[in-house]
Amino acid sequence: MTDFWIGLTNMMPGGNWTWTDGTPLDFTDWDNGEPENITGNNCAGQSINGGIWKTDDCYKTKPYICKVDKTFFDPPPQTTKYPIYANCPFPFTYFQPTHSCYGVGNYTGPLNWTLGQQHCEAFGANLTSIHSVEELLFLGSLVFIGHNLYWTGAFSIDGGNSWKWADGSPWDYNSWANGYPSLGAVQTLPG
């Protein structure tokens, strides 16, 4: 994986490069020679390394990030007030500079640009628009983490019956998915 879909396309009326959420194109980070005006390269992707944008065939499958205004998740006014960041439901992540939640909802894996946009729309969102370097870097970190598995410091020395943290902190929180850890396939710390 080297890049992911962003909500920039020239398939909107007028044929100009525009964000699907209708916000102005007031920041760009095109690679040299981009945007290419090659037939079929009507959608934009952002490189994970460096954050530069390139045009590509909209039918390729790639990771993507949805962006939805934070107010979409705000509780009704009569409910208990929580810190702003707490109102983005998992697996969406709050980004204060844009007052928006970013994520993929129920992760479906890489999709082509059109299906990624449709998936985002199901959450009241669009493929993300980007308006600053800070937002660009934030998105790169989300894609890197959200579309890749990563190791934690959890380990077991008894075949998965009990678990410990490598840093010695207490095992006071379990976030195992249903059916995990699978006792027959547990990775244990070498003895």
Protein backbone atom coordinates (compact mmCIF):
# COMPACT_ATOMS: atom_id res chain seq x y z
CA MET A 1 0.00 0.00 0.00
CA THR A 2 1.51 3.32 -1.07
CA ASP A 3 -1.48 5.67 -1.33
CA PHE A 4 -5.15 6.09 -0.48
CA TRP A 5 -8.21 7.76 -2.00
CA ILE A 6 -9.09 11.35 -1.13
CA GLY A 7 -12.32 13.11 -2.12
CA LEU A 8 -10.84 15.01 -5.06
CA THR A 9 -12.17 14.38 -8.56
CA ASN A 10 -12.67 16.10 -11.89
CA MET A 11 -15.87 14.15 -12.60
CA MET A 12 -18.07 16.88 -11.10
CA PRO A 13 -20.00 19.21 -13.44
CA GLY A 14 -17.57 21.61 -15.10
CA GLY A 15 -14.70 19.10 -15.17
CA ASN A 16 -12.54 21.03 -12.69
CA TRP A 17 -10.78 19.34 -9.77
CA THR A 18 -13.18 19.71 -6.83
CA TRP A 19 -13.81 18.16 -3.42
CA THR A 20 -16.84 15.86 -3.16
CA ASP A 21 -17.96 17.66 0.01
CA GLY A 22 -18.23 20.96 -1.88
CA THR A 23 -15.52 22.77 0.10
CA PRO A 24 -13.17 25.05 -1.87
CA LEU A 25 -9.96 23.68 -3.32
CA ASP A 26 -7.81 26.07 -1.27
CA PHE A 27 -4.86 23.72 -0.64
CA THR A 28 -3.10 21.36 -3.04
CA ASP A 29 -0.11 19.06 -2.79
CA TRP A 30 0.11 17.69 -6.33
CA ASP A 31 3.20 15.72 -7.32
CA ASN A 32 5.35 17.14 -10.14
CA GLY A 33 3.47 16.85 -13.45
CA GLU A 34 0.12 16.43 -11.72
CA PRO A 35 -2.76 16.56 -12.16
CA GLU A 36 -2.33 14.45 -15.28
CA ASN A 37 -5.14 14.86 -17.76
CA ILE A 38 -5.09 11.23 -18.87
CA THR A 39 -8.42 9.68 -19.81
CA GLY A 40 -9.63 7.57 -16.89
CA ASN A 41 -7.44 9.28 -14.27
CA ASN A 42 -10.32 11.27 -12.80
CA CYS A 43 -9.75 10.66 -9.09
CA ALA A 44 -6.95 11.63 -6.71
CA GLY A 45 -4.97 9.65 -4.20
CA GLN A 46 -2.56 10.78 -1.51
CA SER A 47 0.81 9.11 -0.98
CA ILE A 48 1.33 7.73 2.52
CA ASN A 49 5.01 8.67 2.33
CA GLY A 50 5.28 12.40 1.73
CA GLY A 51 1.59 13.18 1.28
CA ILE A 52 1.78 14.16 -2.39
CA TRP A 53 -1.27 13.75 -4.63
CA LYS A 54 -1.52 11.90 -7.92
CA THR A 55 -4.35 11.28 -10.34
CA ASP A 56 -5.39 7.68 -10.86
CA ASP A 57 -8.00 5.40 -12.37
CA CYS A 58 -11.10 5.68 -10.17
CA TYR A 59 -11.77 1.93 -10.50
CA LYS A 60 -8.61 0.83 -8.71
CA THR A 61 -9.09 -0.40 -5.15
CA LYS A 62 -7.26 1.54 -2.45
CA PRO A 63 -7.64 2.39 1.23
CA TYR A 64 -9.65 5.53 1.95
CA ILE A 65 -10.64 7.84 4.81
CA CYS A 66 -14.10 9.35 5.30
CA LYS A 67 -14.55 12.85 6.71
CA VAL A 68 -17.78 13.81 8.43
CA ASP A 69 -18.56 17.04 10.26
CA LYS A 70 -18.34 16.42 14.00
CA THR A 71 -21.87 17.75 14.50
CA PHE A 72 -23.20 14.61 12.76
CA PHE A 73 -22.29 12.66 15.90
CA ASP A 74 -23.22 15.31 18.47
CA PRO A 75 -25.75 14.09 21.01
CA PRO A 76 -29.05 15.93 21.33
CA PRO A 77 -28.71 19.08 23.50
CA GLN A 78 -30.57 17.60 26.50
CA THR A 79 -28.04 14.79 27.02
CA THR A 80 -24.92 14.85 29.18
CA LYS A 81 -22.09 16.96 27.79
CA TYR A 82 -18.86 15.13 27.03
CA PRO A 83 -15.53 16.51 25.87
CA ILE A 84 -15.73 17.28 22.14
CA TYR A 85 -13.32 14.49 21.20
CA ALA A 86 -15.45 11.87 22.98
CA ASN A 87 -18.40 12.35 20.63
CA CYS A 88 -16.83 10.73 17.57
CA PRO A 89 -17.96 7.11 17.70
CA PHE A 90 -15.41 4.33 17.30
CA PRO A 91 -13.66 3.88 14.92
CA PHE A 92 -13.86 7.57 13.95
CA THR A 93 -11.17 9.89 15.35
CA TYR A 94 -11.68 13.55 16.19
CA PHE A 95 -9.32 16.15 14.67
CA GLN A 96 -9.75 19.47 16.49
CA PRO A 97 -8.40 21.85 13.81
CA THR A 98 -11.21 20.86 11.41
CA HIS A 99 -13.83 19.98 14.05
CA SER A 100 -14.41 16.76 12.11
CA CYS A 101 -14.36 13.02 12.64
CA TYR A 102 -12.25 10.83 10.37
CA GLY A 103 -12.39 7.08 9.83
CA VAL A 104 -13.87 4.34 7.67
CA GLY A 105 -16.85 3.22 9.75
CA ASN A 106 -17.05 -0.54 9.57
CA TYR A 107 -13.82 -1.34 7.75
CA THR A 108 -14.45 -3.03 4.43
CA GLY A 109 -10.92 -3.11 3.08
CA PRO A 110 -9.63 -1.17 0.09
CA LEU A 111 -12.33 -0.07 -2.39
CA ASN A 112 -12.36 1.75 -5.69
CA TRP A 113 -12.96 5.52 -5.45
CA THR A 114 -16.68 5.37 -6.26
CA LEU A 115 -17.41 2.58 -3.77
CA GLY A 116 -15.28 4.37 -1.15
CA GLN A 117 -17.37 7.53 -1.65
CA GLN A 118 -20.60 5.52 -1.41
CA HIS A 119 -19.35 3.82 1.76
CA CYS A 120 -18.58 7.23 3.29
CA GLU A 121 -22.01 8.57 2.28
CA ALA A 122 -23.63 5.77 4.29
CA PHE A 123 -22.14 7.48 7.37
CA GLY A 124 -23.23 10.97 6.28
CA ALA A 125 -19.65 11.58 5.13
CA ASN A 126 -17.54 12.04 1.99
CA LEU A 127 -14.08 10.91 1.06
CA THR A 128 -11.92 13.39 2.88
CA SER A 129 -11.04 16.83 1.57
CA ILE A 130 -7.69 18.28 2.66
CA HIS A 131 -7.13 21.94 3.51
CA SER A 132 -3.80 22.07 5.37
CA VAL A 133 -0.50 20.31 5.89
CA GLU A 134 -1.64 19.36 9.42
CA GLU A 135 -4.73 17.64 8.03
CA LEU A 136 -2.64 15.92 5.35
CA LEU A 137 -0.23 14.48 7.96
CA PHE A 138 -3.10 13.47 10.27
CA LEU A 139 -4.75 11.52 7.44
CA GLY A 140 -1.52 9.75 6.55
CA SER A 141 -1.19 8.52 10.11
CA LEU A 142 -4.81 7.28 10.15
CA VAL A 143 -4.39 5.30 6.96
CA PHE A 144 -1.10 3.83 8.10
CA ILE A 145 -2.65 2.68 11.39
CA GLY A 146 -6.21 1.96 10.26
CA HIS A 147 -5.38 -0.11 7.21
CA ASN A 148 -2.56 -2.14 8.69
CA LEU A 149 -2.37 -4.57 11.55
CA TYR A 150 0.15 -3.68 14.19
CA TRP A 151 1.70 -5.33 17.22
CA THR A 152 0.95 -4.41 20.81
CA GLY A 153 2.96 -5.38 23.89
CA ALA A 154 0.49 -8.12 24.92
CA PHE A 155 1.95 -11.59 25.44
CA SER A 156 1.11 -14.88 27.08
CA ILE A 157 3.44 -17.45 28.66
CA ASP A 158 0.74 -20.06 29.32
CA GLY A 159 -0.76 -20.66 25.88
CA GLY A 160 -3.22 -17.78 26.06
CA ASN A 161 -4.90 -18.49 29.39
CA SER A 162 -3.54 -15.27 30.88
CA TRP A 163 -2.00 -12.16 29.36
CA LYS A 164 0.60 -9.57 30.38
CA TRP A 165 1.93 -6.30 29.01
CA ALA A 166 5.59 -6.18 27.98
CA ASP A 167 6.05 -2.90 29.88
CA GLY A 168 4.92 -4.55 33.15
CA SER A 169 1.78 -2.39 33.52
CA PRO A 170 -1.33 -4.13 34.91
CA TRP A 171 -3.60 -6.13 32.58
CA ASP A 172 -6.68 -4.07 33.39
CA TYR A 173 -8.40 -3.80 30.02
CA ASN A 174 -9.44 -6.42 27.46
CA SER A 175 -10.33 -5.38 23.93
CA TRP A 176 -10.30 -8.78 22.27
CA ALA A 177 -12.62 -9.27 19.31
CA ASN A 178 -15.21 -12.05 19.66
CA GLY A 179 -13.48 -15.44 19.49
CA TYR A 180 -10.06 -14.06 20.40
CA PRO A 181 -7.59 -14.85 21.61
CA SER A 182 -7.90 -18.22 19.95
CA LEU A 183 -6.21 -20.60 22.38
CA GLY A 184 -5.07 -22.97 19.65
CA ALA A 185 -3.31 -20.24 17.69
CA VAL A 186 -1.81 -18.02 20.38
CA GLN A 187 1.51 -16.30 19.80
CA THR A 188 3.44 -16.59 23.05
CA LEU A 189 6.60 -14.87 24.21
CA PRO A 190 9.64 -17.13 23.77
CA GLY A 191 10.64 -18.61 27.07
